[in-house]
Amino acid sequence: MATTPAKKLSVLKRVRQTKKRTLRNRGVRTMVKTYIKKLHEAIASGEKDQMDSALLKATSVISTAASKGVLHRNTASRYISRLAKQVNKAKAA
């Protein structure tokens, strides 16, 4: 939001709050994507121990993002489910 729509104090406060929340949420979303990428790399390497630890960490980060309200809880659940499915498939192969 480059320009402020009005000069009311409540509007200016909302703009400030939105900027703070956007920055906070961006950091959490970036962390989620990073740990998902690490899990995909572990799956590609084929090492089972590495897959388990990466899945555990990714699940934790995704759950945290959901609890903070960055991700919807159903979206987080879907991510976790799909990642676990990929890990189980890679272990079986």
PDB file of N, CA and C in Angstrom:
ATOM      1  N   MET A   1       0.836  -1.170   0.000  1.00  0.00           N
ATOM      2  CA  MET A   1       0.000   0.000   0.000  1.00  0.00           C
ATOM      3  C   MET A   1       0.883   1.236   0.000  1.00  0.00           C
ATOM      4  N   ALA A   2       1.106   1.767  -1.164  1.00  0.00           N
ATOM      5  CA  ALA A   2       1.995   2.908  -1.279  1.00  0.00           C
ATOM      6  C   ALA A   2       1.320   4.201  -0.845  1.00  0.00           C
ATOM      7  N   THR A   3       0.059   4.360  -1.200  1.00  0.00           N
ATOM      8  CA  THR A   3      -0.632   5.584  -0.831  1.00  0.00           C
ATOM      9  C   THR A   3      -1.714   5.283   0.188  1.00  0.00           C
ATOM     10  N   THR A   4      -1.962   6.255   1.053  1.00  0.00           N
ATOM     11  CA  THR A   4      -3.019   6.077   2.034  1.00  0.00           C
ATOM     12  C   THR A   4      -4.312   6.654   1.467  1.00  0.00           C
ATOM     13  N   PRO A   5      -5.420   5.917   1.573  1.00  0.00           N
ATOM     14  CA  PRO A   5      -6.670   6.361   0.963  1.00  0.00           C
ATOM     15  C   PRO A   5      -7.285   7.581   1.630  1.00  0.00           C
ATOM     16  N   ALA A   6      -7.085   7.768   2.922  1.00  0.00           N
ATOM     17  CA  ALA A   6      -7.659   8.916   3.620  1.00  0.00           C
ATOM     18  C   ALA A   6      -6.737   9.312   4.763  1.00  0.00           C
ATOM     19  N   LYS A   7      -7.086  10.394   5.411  1.00  0.00           N
ATOM     20  CA  LYS A   7      -6.243  10.882   6.498  1.00  0.00           C
ATOM     21  C   LYS A   7      -6.848  10.602   7.865  1.00  0.00           C
ATOM     22  N   LYS A   8      -7.838   9.719   7.934  1.00  0.00           N
ATOM     23  CA  LYS A   8      -8.411   9.379   9.225  1.00  0.00           C
ATOM     24  C   LYS A   8      -7.397   8.592  10.030  1.00  0.00           C
ATOM     25  N   LEU A   9      -7.373   8.821  11.314  1.00  0.00           N
ATOM     26  CA  LEU A   9      -6.402   8.145  12.174  1.00  0.00           C
ATOM     27  C   LEU A   9      -6.593   6.638  12.180  1.00  0.00           C
ATOM     28  N   SER A  10      -7.842   6.186  12.158  1.00  0.00           N
ATOM     29  CA  SER A  10      -8.094   4.749  12.173  1.00  0.00           C
ATOM     30  C   SER A  10      -7.574   4.090  10.895  1.00  0.00           C
ATOM     31  N   VAL A  11      -7.696   4.803   9.779  1.00  0.00           N
ATOM     32  CA  VAL A  11      -7.207   4.263   8.500  1.00  0.00           C
ATOM     33  C   VAL A  11      -5.687   4.186   8.519  1.00  0.00           C
ATOM     34  N   LEU A  12      -5.063   5.221   9.035  1.00  0.00           N
ATOM     35  CA  LEU A  12      -3.598   5.224   9.092  1.00  0.00           C
ATOM     36  C   LEU A  12      -3.084   4.117  10.008  1.00  0.00           C
ATOM     37  N   LYS A  13      -3.791   3.887  11.116  1.00  0.00           N
ATOM     38  CA  LYS A  13      -3.399   2.810  12.023  1.00  0.00           C
ATOM     39  C   LYS A  13      -3.542   1.458  11.337  1.00  0.00           C
ATOM     40  N   ARG A  14      -4.636   1.255  10.597  1.00  0.00           N
ATOM     41  CA  ARG A  14      -4.837  -0.007   9.885  1.00  0.00           C
ATOM     42  C   ARG A  14      -3.722  -0.239   8.865  1.00  0.00           C
ATOM     43  N   VAL A  15      -3.290   0.810   8.193  1.00  0.00           N
ATOM     44  CA  VAL A  15      -2.207   0.688   7.216  1.00  0.00           C
ATOM     45  C   VAL A  15      -0.923   0.245   7.907  1.00  0.00           C
ATOM     46  N   ARG A  16      -0.642   0.860   9.064  1.00  0.00           N
ATOM     47  CA  ARG A  16       0.561   0.474   9.820  1.00  0.00           C
ATOM     48  C   ARG A  16       0.482  -0.985  10.271  1.00  0.00           C
ATOM     49  N   GLN A  17      -0.688  -1.390  10.765  1.00  0.00           N
ATOM     50  CA  GLN A  17      -0.857  -2.767  11.233  1.00  0.00           C
ATOM     51  C   GLN A  17      -0.698  -3.765  10.086  1.00  0.00           C
ATOM     52  N   THR A  18      -1.268  -3.422   8.942  1.00  0.00           N
ATOM     53  CA  THR A  18      -1.186  -4.307   7.774  1.00  0.00           C
ATOM     54  C   THR A  18       0.261  -4.498   7.328  1.00  0.00           C
ATOM     55  N   LYS A  19       1.026  -3.414   7.332  1.00  0.00           N
ATOM     56  CA  LYS A  19       2.440  -3.513   6.940  1.00  0.00           C
ATOM     57  C   LYS A  19       3.204  -4.431   7.890  1.00  0.00           C
ATOM     58  N   LYS A  20       2.959  -4.288   9.202  1.00  0.00           N
ATOM     59  CA  LYS A  20       3.646  -5.133  10.186  1.00  0.00           C
ATOM     60  C   LYS A  20       3.272  -6.603   9.998  1.00  0.00           C
ATOM     61  N   ARG A  21       1.975  -6.856   9.846  1.00  0.00           N
ATOM     62  CA  ARG A  21       1.511  -8.232   9.691  1.00  0.00           C
ATOM     63  C   ARG A  21       2.023  -8.856   8.404  1.00  0.00           C
ATOM     64  N   THR A  22       2.066  -8.060   7.341  1.00  0.00           N
ATOM     65  CA  THR A  22       2.549  -8.567   6.054  1.00  0.00           C
ATOM     66  C   THR A  22       4.000  -9.021   6.172  1.00  0.00           C
ATOM     67  N   LEU A  23       4.808  -8.209   6.821  1.00  0.00           N
ATOM     68  CA  LEU A  23       6.219  -8.580   6.998  1.00  0.00           C
ATOM     69  C   LEU A  23       6.360  -9.850   7.830  1.00  0.00           C
ATOM     70  N   ARG A  24       5.591  -9.938   8.913  1.00  0.00           N
ATOM     71  CA  ARG A  24       5.658 -11.104   9.795  1.00  0.00           C
ATOM     72  C   ARG A  24       5.212 -12.359   9.052  1.00  0.00           C
ATOM     73  N   ASN A  25       4.096 -12.250   8.346  1.00  0.00           N
ATOM     74  CA  ASN A  25       3.558 -13.401   7.630  1.00  0.00           C
ATOM     75  C   ASN A  25       4.469 -13.839   6.486  1.00  0.00           C
ATOM     76  N   ARG A  26       5.106 -12.883   5.837  1.00  0.00           N
ATOM     77  CA  ARG A  26       6.007 -13.214   4.743  1.00  0.00           C
ATOM     78  C   ARG A  26       7.162 -14.072   5.232  1.00  0.00           C
ATOM     79  N   GLY A  27       7.695 -13.732   6.397  1.00  0.00           N
ATOM     80  CA  GLY A  27       8.788 -14.508   6.976  1.00  0.00           C
ATOM     81  C   GLY A  27       8.371 -15.933   7.283  1.00  0.00           C
ATOM     82  N   VAL A  28       7.176 -16.090   7.830  1.00  0.00           N
ATOM     83  CA  VAL A  28       6.693 -17.430   8.174  1.00  0.00           C
ATOM     84  C   VAL A  28       6.450 -18.243   6.908  1.00  0.00           C
ATOM     85  N   ARG A  29       5.825 -17.620   5.895  1.00  0.00           N
ATOM     86  CA  ARG A  29       5.567 -18.328   4.639  1.00  0.00           C
ATOM     87  C   ARG A  29       6.867 -18.743   3.960  1.00  0.00           C
ATOM     88  N   THR A  30       7.883 -17.884   4.023  1.00  0.00           N
ATOM     89  CA  THR A  30       9.185 -18.210   3.442  1.00  0.00           C
ATOM     90  C   THR A  30       9.800 -19.410   4.152  1.00  0.00           C
ATOM     91  N   MET A  31       9.669 -19.436   5.477  1.00  0.00           N
ATOM     92  CA  MET A  31      10.214 -20.550   6.244  1.00  0.00           C
ATOM     93  C   MET A  31       9.511 -21.857   5.878  1.00  0.00           C
ATOM     94  N   VAL A  32       8.198 -21.795   5.698  1.00  0.00           N
ATOM     95  CA  VAL A  32       7.437 -22.993   5.306  1.00  0.00           C
ATOM     96  C   VAL A  32       7.954 -23.507   3.968  1.00  0.00           C
ATOM     97  N   LYS A  33       8.110 -22.612   3.005  1.00  0.00           N
ATOM     98  CA  LYS A  33       8.579 -23.032   1.683  1.00  0.00           C
ATOM     99  C   LYS A  33       9.994 -23.605   1.740  1.00  0.00           C
ATOM    100  N   THR A  34      10.843 -23.014   2.578  1.00  0.00           N
ATOM    101  CA  THR A  34      12.216 -23.491   2.715  1.00  0.00           C
ATOM    102  C   THR A  34      12.256 -24.929   3.223  1.00  0.00           C
ATOM    103  N   TYR A  35      11.471 -25.215   4.271  1.00  0.00           N
ATOM    104  CA  TYR A  35      11.489 -26.564   4.841  1.00  0.00           C
ATOM    105  C   TYR A  35      10.825 -27.584   3.915  1.00  0.00           C
ATOM    106  N   ILE A  36       9.866 -27.142   3.121  1.00  0.00           N
ATOM    107  CA  ILE A  36       9.275 -28.044   2.130  1.00  0.00           C
ATOM    108  C   ILE A  36      10.316 -28.386   1.066  1.00  0.00           C
ATOM    109  N   LYS A  37      11.097 -27.395   0.644  1.00  0.00           N
ATOM    110  CA  LYS A  37      12.158 -27.638  -0.338  1.00  0.00           C
ATOM    111  C   LYS A  37      13.203 -28.606   0.219  1.00  0.00           C
ATOM    112  N   LYS A  38      13.552 -28.424   1.505  1.00  0.00           N
ATOM    113  CA  LYS A  38      14.530 -29.326   2.134  1.00  0.00           C
ATOM    114  C   LYS A  38      14.002 -30.751   2.172  1.00  0.00           C
ATOM    115  N   LEU A  39      12.711 -30.901   2.417  1.00  0.00           N
ATOM    116  CA  LEU A  39      12.106 -32.229   2.428  1.00  0.00           C
ATOM    117  C   LEU A  39      12.150 -32.846   1.037  1.00  0.00           C
ATOM    118  N   HIS A  40      11.868 -32.061   0.020  1.00  0.00           N
ATOM    119  CA  HIS A  40      11.909 -32.573  -1.351  1.00  0.00           C
ATOM    120  C   HIS A  40      13.328 -33.012  -1.727  1.00  0.00           C
ATOM    121  N   GLU A  41      14.323 -32.255  -1.252  1.00  0.00           N
ATOM    122  CA  GLU A  41      15.719 -32.637  -1.502  1.00  0.00           C
ATOM    123  C   GLU A  41      16.048 -33.955  -0.790  1.00  0.00           C
ATOM    124  N   ALA A  42      15.537 -34.128   0.411  1.00  0.00           N
ATOM    125  CA  ALA A  42      15.768 -35.364   1.165  1.00  0.00           C
ATOM    126  C   ALA A  42      15.109 -36.547   0.456  1.00  0.00           C
ATOM    127  N   ILE A  43      13.925 -36.332  -0.081  1.00  0.00           N
ATOM    128  CA  ILE A  43      13.230 -37.392  -0.820  1.00  0.00           C
ATOM    129  C   ILE A  43      14.027 -37.766  -2.064  1.00  0.00           C
ATOM    130  N   ALA A  44      14.568 -36.756  -2.734  1.00  0.00           N
ATOM    131  CA  ALA A  44      15.358 -37.008  -3.941  1.00  0.00           C
ATOM    132  C   ALA A  44      16.637 -37.770  -3.621  1.00  0.00           C
ATOM    133  N   SER A  45      17.222 -37.508  -2.437  1.00  0.00           N
ATOM    134  CA  SER A  45      18.462 -38.199  -2.067  1.00  0.00           C
ATOM    135  C   SER A  45      18.196 -39.662  -1.729  1.00  0.00           C
ATOM    136  N   GLY A  46      17.004 -39.956  -1.226  1.00  0.00           N
ATOM    137  CA  GLY A  46      16.637 -41.336  -0.936  1.00  0.00           C
ATOM    138  C   GLY A  46      17.053 -41.854   0.429  1.00  0.00           C
ATOM    139  N   GLU A  47      17.633 -41.000   1.267  1.00  0.00           N
ATOM    140  CA  GLU A  47      18.049 -41.429   2.602  1.00  0.00           C
ATOM    141  C   GLU A  47      16.857 -41.367   3.559  1.00  0.00           C
ATOM    142  N   LYS A  48      16.527 -42.497   4.158  1.00  0.00           N
ATOM    143  CA  LYS A  48      15.321 -42.595   4.980  1.00  0.00           C
ATOM    144  C   LYS A  48      15.405 -41.776   6.259  1.00  0.00           C
ATOM    145  N   ASP A  49      16.568 -41.779   6.911  1.00  0.00           N
ATOM    146  CA  ASP A  49      16.726 -40.996   8.144  1.00  0.00           C
ATOM    147  C   ASP A  49      16.556 -39.509   7.875  1.00  0.00           C
ATOM    148  N   GLN A  50      17.155 -39.070   6.776  1.00  0.00           N
ATOM    149  CA  GLN A  50      17.080 -37.660   6.392  1.00  0.00           C
ATOM    150  C   GLN A  50      15.637 -37.280   6.048  1.00  0.00           C
ATOM    151  N   MET A  51      14.915 -38.192   5.394  1.00  0.00           N
ATOM    152  CA  MET A  51      13.510 -37.933   5.054  1.00  0.00           C
ATOM    153  C   MET A  51      12.667 -37.776   6.305  1.00  0.00           C
ATOM    154  N   ASP A  52      12.889 -38.667   7.286  1.00  0.00           N
ATOM    155  CA  ASP A  52      12.104 -38.620   8.516  1.00  0.00           C
ATOM    156  C   ASP A  52      12.317 -37.317   9.271  1.00  0.00           C
ATOM    157  N   SER A  53      13.573 -36.912   9.418  1.00  0.00           N
ATOM    158  CA  SER A  53      13.854 -35.680  10.163  1.00  0.00           C
ATOM    159  C   SER A  53      13.334 -34.455   9.418  1.00  0.00           C
ATOM    160  N   ALA A  54      13.463 -34.466   8.087  1.00  0.00           N
ATOM    161  CA  ALA A  54      12.967 -33.335   7.296  1.00  0.00           C
ATOM    162  C   ALA A  54      11.438 -33.256   7.350  1.00  0.00           C
ATOM    163  N   LEU A  55      10.768 -34.409   7.334  1.00  0.00           N
ATOM    164  CA  LEU A  55       9.306 -34.429   7.425  1.00  0.00           C
ATOM    165  C   LEU A  55       8.858 -33.913   8.787  1.00  0.00           C
ATOM    166  N   LEU A  56       9.534 -34.327   9.830  1.00  0.00           N
ATOM    167  CA  LEU A  56       9.190 -33.888  11.176  1.00  0.00           C
ATOM    168  C   LEU A  56       9.322 -32.365  11.301  1.00  0.00           C
ATOM    169  N   LYS A  57      10.414 -31.820  10.778  1.00  0.00           N
ATOM    170  CA  LYS A  57      10.650 -30.377  10.868  1.00  0.00           C
ATOM    171  C   LYS A  57       9.643 -29.614  10.009  1.00  0.00           C
ATOM    172  N   ALA A  58       9.391 -30.099   8.791  1.00  0.00           N
ATOM    173  CA  ALA A  58       8.437 -29.432   7.903  1.00  0.00           C
ATOM    174  C   ALA A  58       7.039 -29.441   8.508  1.00  0.00           C
ATOM    175  N   THR A  59       6.654 -30.566   9.091  1.00  0.00           N
ATOM    176  CA  THR A  59       5.346 -30.676   9.736  1.00  0.00           C
ATOM    177  C   THR A  59       5.229 -29.670  10.878  1.00  0.00           C
ATOM    178  N   SER A  60       6.276 -29.550  11.657  1.00  0.00           N
ATOM    179  CA  SER A  60       6.288 -28.621  12.774  1.00  0.00           C
ATOM    180  C   SER A  60       6.139 -27.173  12.301  1.00  0.00           C
ATOM    181  N   VAL A  61       6.882 -26.815  11.268  1.00  0.00           N
ATOM    182  CA  VAL A  61       6.847 -25.444  10.756  1.00  0.00           C
ATOM    183  C   VAL A  61       5.475 -25.133  10.145  1.00  0.00           C
ATOM    184  N   ILE A  62       4.904 -26.084   9.421  1.00  0.00           N
ATOM    185  CA  ILE A  62       3.596 -25.877   8.802  1.00  0.00           C
ATOM    186  C   ILE A  62       2.521 -25.734   9.887  1.00  0.00           C
ATOM    187  N   SER A  63       2.593 -26.553  10.907  1.00  0.00           N
ATOM    188  CA  SER A  63       1.625 -26.468  12.008  1.00  0.00           C
ATOM    189  C   SER A  63       1.730 -25.131  12.737  1.00  0.00           C
ATOM    190  N   THR A  64       2.943 -24.671  12.920  1.00  0.00           N
ATOM    191  CA  THR A  64       3.156 -23.379  13.564  1.00  0.00           C
ATOM    192  C   THR A  64       2.550 -22.262  12.729  1.00  0.00           C
ATOM    193  N   ALA A  65       2.752 -22.327  11.408  1.00  0.00           N
ATOM    194  CA  ALA A  65       2.185 -21.313  10.519  1.00  0.00           C
ATOM    195  C   ALA A  65       0.663 -21.319  10.594  1.00  0.00           C
ATOM    196  N   ALA A  66       0.074 -22.494  10.715  1.00  0.00           N
ATOM    197  CA  ALA A  66      -1.377 -22.597  10.827  1.00  0.00           C
ATOM    198  C   ALA A  66      -1.863 -22.024  12.151  1.00  0.00           C
ATOM    199  N   SER A  67      -1.135 -22.302  13.219  1.00  0.00           N
ATOM    200  CA  SER A  67      -1.565 -21.806  14.528  1.00  0.00           C
ATOM    201  C   SER A  67      -1.427 -20.288  14.625  1.00  0.00           C
ATOM    202  N   LYS A  68      -0.485 -19.715  13.874  1.00  0.00           N
ATOM    203  CA  LYS A  68      -0.325 -18.254  13.864  1.00  0.00           C
ATOM    204  C   LYS A  68      -1.313 -17.579  12.919  1.00  0.00           C
ATOM    205  N   GLY A  69      -2.022 -18.372  12.132  1.00  0.00           N
ATOM    206  CA  GLY A  69      -3.007 -17.804  11.225  1.00  0.00           C
ATOM    207  C   GLY A  69      -2.449 -17.417   9.871  1.00  0.00           C
ATOM    208  N   VAL A  70      -1.214 -17.798   9.603  1.00  0.00           N
ATOM    209  CA  VAL A  70      -0.615 -17.488   8.299  1.00  0.00           C
ATOM    210  C   VAL A  70      -1.211 -18.407   7.236  1.00  0.00           C
ATOM    211  N   LEU A  71      -1.368 -19.671   7.580  1.00  0.00           N
ATOM    212  CA  LEU A  71      -2.022 -20.647   6.708  1.00  0.00           C
ATOM    213  C   LEU A  71      -3.340 -21.066   7.353  1.00  0.00           C
ATOM    214  N   HIS A  72      -4.321 -21.347   6.535  1.00  0.00           N
ATOM    215  CA  HIS A  72      -5.572 -21.902   7.050  1.00  0.00           C
ATOM    216  C   HIS A  72      -5.273 -23.320   7.529  1.00  0.00           C
ATOM    217  N   ARG A  73      -5.985 -23.763   8.561  1.00  0.00           N
ATOM    218  CA  ARG A  73      -5.661 -25.070   9.142  1.00  0.00           C
ATOM    219  C   ARG A  73      -5.914 -26.213   8.172  1.00  0.00           C
ATOM    220  N   ASN A  74      -6.909 -26.084   7.294  1.00  0.00           N
ATOM    221  CA  ASN A  74      -7.142 -27.137   6.305  1.00  0.00           C
ATOM    222  C   ASN A  74      -6.033 -27.164   5.257  1.00  0.00           C
ATOM    223  N   THR A  75      -5.534 -25.998   4.893  1.00  0.00           N
ATOM    224  CA  THR A  75      -4.415 -25.915   3.949  1.00  0.00           C
ATOM    225  C   THR A  75      -3.182 -26.568   4.561  1.00  0.00           C
ATOM    226  N   ALA A  76      -2.911 -26.269   5.807  1.00  0.00           N
ATOM    227  CA  ALA A  76      -1.764 -26.858   6.497  1.00  0.00           C
ATOM    228  C   ALA A  76      -1.903 -28.371   6.569  1.00  0.00           C
ATOM    229  N   SER A  77      -3.093 -28.823   6.884  1.00  0.00           N
ATOM    230  CA  SER A  77      -3.352 -30.266   6.975  1.00  0.00           C
ATOM    231  C   SER A  77      -3.135 -30.933   5.620  1.00  0.00           C
ATOM    232  N   ARG A  78      -3.569 -30.276   4.572  1.00  0.00           N
ATOM    233  CA  ARG A  78      -3.391 -30.815   3.211  1.00  0.00           C
ATOM    234  C   ARG A  78      -1.905 -30.904   2.858  1.00  0.00           C
ATOM    235  N   TYR A  79      -1.141 -29.853   3.170  1.00  0.00           N
ATOM    236  CA  TYR A  79       0.301 -29.864   2.918  1.00  0.00           C
ATOM    237  C   TYR A  79       0.969 -31.035   3.635  1.00  0.00           C
ATOM    238  N   ILE A  80       0.659 -31.168   4.922  1.00  0.00           N
ATOM    239  CA  ILE A  80       1.276 -32.217   5.735  1.00  0.00           C
ATOM    240  C   ILE A  80       0.927 -33.594   5.187  1.00  0.00           C
ATOM    241  N   SER A  81      -0.334 -33.778   4.820  1.00  0.00           N
ATOM    242  CA  SER A  81      -0.787 -35.057   4.296  1.00  0.00           C
ATOM    243  C   SER A  81      -0.058 -35.418   3.004  1.00  0.00           C
ATOM    244  N   ARG A  82       0.037 -34.469   2.116  1.00  0.00           N
ATOM    245  CA  ARG A  82       0.696 -34.732   0.823  1.00  0.00           C
ATOM    246  C   ARG A  82       2.184 -34.996   0.994  1.00  0.00           C
ATOM    247  N   LEU A  83       2.821 -34.264   1.900  1.00  0.00           N
ATOM    248  CA  LEU A  83       4.255 -34.479   2.133  1.00  0.00           C
ATOM    249  C   LEU A  83       4.500 -35.864   2.750  1.00  0.00           C
ATOM    250  N   ALA A  84       3.649 -36.258   3.703  1.00  0.00           N
ATOM    251  CA  ALA A  84       3.796 -37.586   4.318  1.00  0.00           C
ATOM    252  C   ALA A  84       3.584 -38.676   3.293  1.00  0.00           C
ATOM    253  N   LYS A  85       2.645 -38.461   2.403  1.00  0.00           N
ATOM    254  CA  LYS A  85       2.363 -39.422   1.341  1.00  0.00           C
ATOM    255  C   LYS A  85       3.581 -39.598   0.424  1.00  0.00           C
ATOM    256  N   GLN A  86       4.240 -38.475   0.091  1.00  0.00           N
ATOM    257  CA  GLN A  86       5.438 -38.518  -0.750  1.00  0.00           C
ATOM    258  C   GLN A  86       6.574 -39.271  -0.053  1.00  0.00           C
ATOM    259  N   VAL A  87       6.727 -39.023   1.250  1.00  0.00           N
ATOM    260  CA  VAL A  87       7.798 -39.686   2.011  1.00  0.00           C
ATOM    261  C   VAL A  87       7.520 -41.199   2.067  1.00  0.00           C
ATOM    262  N   ASN A  88       6.292 -41.577   2.352  1.00  0.00           N
ATOM    263  CA  ASN A  88       5.955 -42.995   2.424  1.00  0.00           C
ATOM    264  C   ASN A  88       6.158 -43.695   1.090  1.00  0.00           C
ATOM    265  N   LYS A  89       5.814 -43.001   0.010  1.00  0.00           N
ATOM    266  CA  LYS A  89       6.001 -43.562  -1.331  1.00  0.00           C
ATOM    267  C   LYS A  89       7.497 -43.759  -1.627  1.00  0.00           C
ATOM    268  N   ALA A  90       8.304 -42.765  -1.239  1.00  0.00           N
ATOM    269  CA  ALA A  90       9.755 -42.845  -1.475  1.00  0.00           C
ATOM    270  C   ALA A  90      10.397 -43.949  -0.643  1.00  0.00           C
ATOM    271  N   LYS A  91       9.895 -44.151   0.580  1.00  0.00           N
ATOM    272  CA  LYS A  91      10.429 -45.217   1.436  1.00  0.00           C
ATOM    273  C   LYS A  91      10.113 -46.598   0.878  1.00  0.00           C
ATOM    274  N   ALA A  92       8.925 -46.730   0.301  1.00  0.00           N
ATOM    275  CA  ALA A  92       8.500 -48.025  -0.236  1.00  0.00           C
ATOM    276  C   ALA A  92       9.275 -48.389  -1.491  1.00  0.00           C
ATOM    277  N   ALA A  93       9.722 -47.375  -2.219  1.00  0.00           N
ATOM    278  CA  ALA A  93      10.426 -47.637  -3.496  1.00  0.00           C
ATOM    279  C   ALA A  93      11.847 -48.107  -3.293  1.00  0.00           C
TER     280      ALA A  93
END
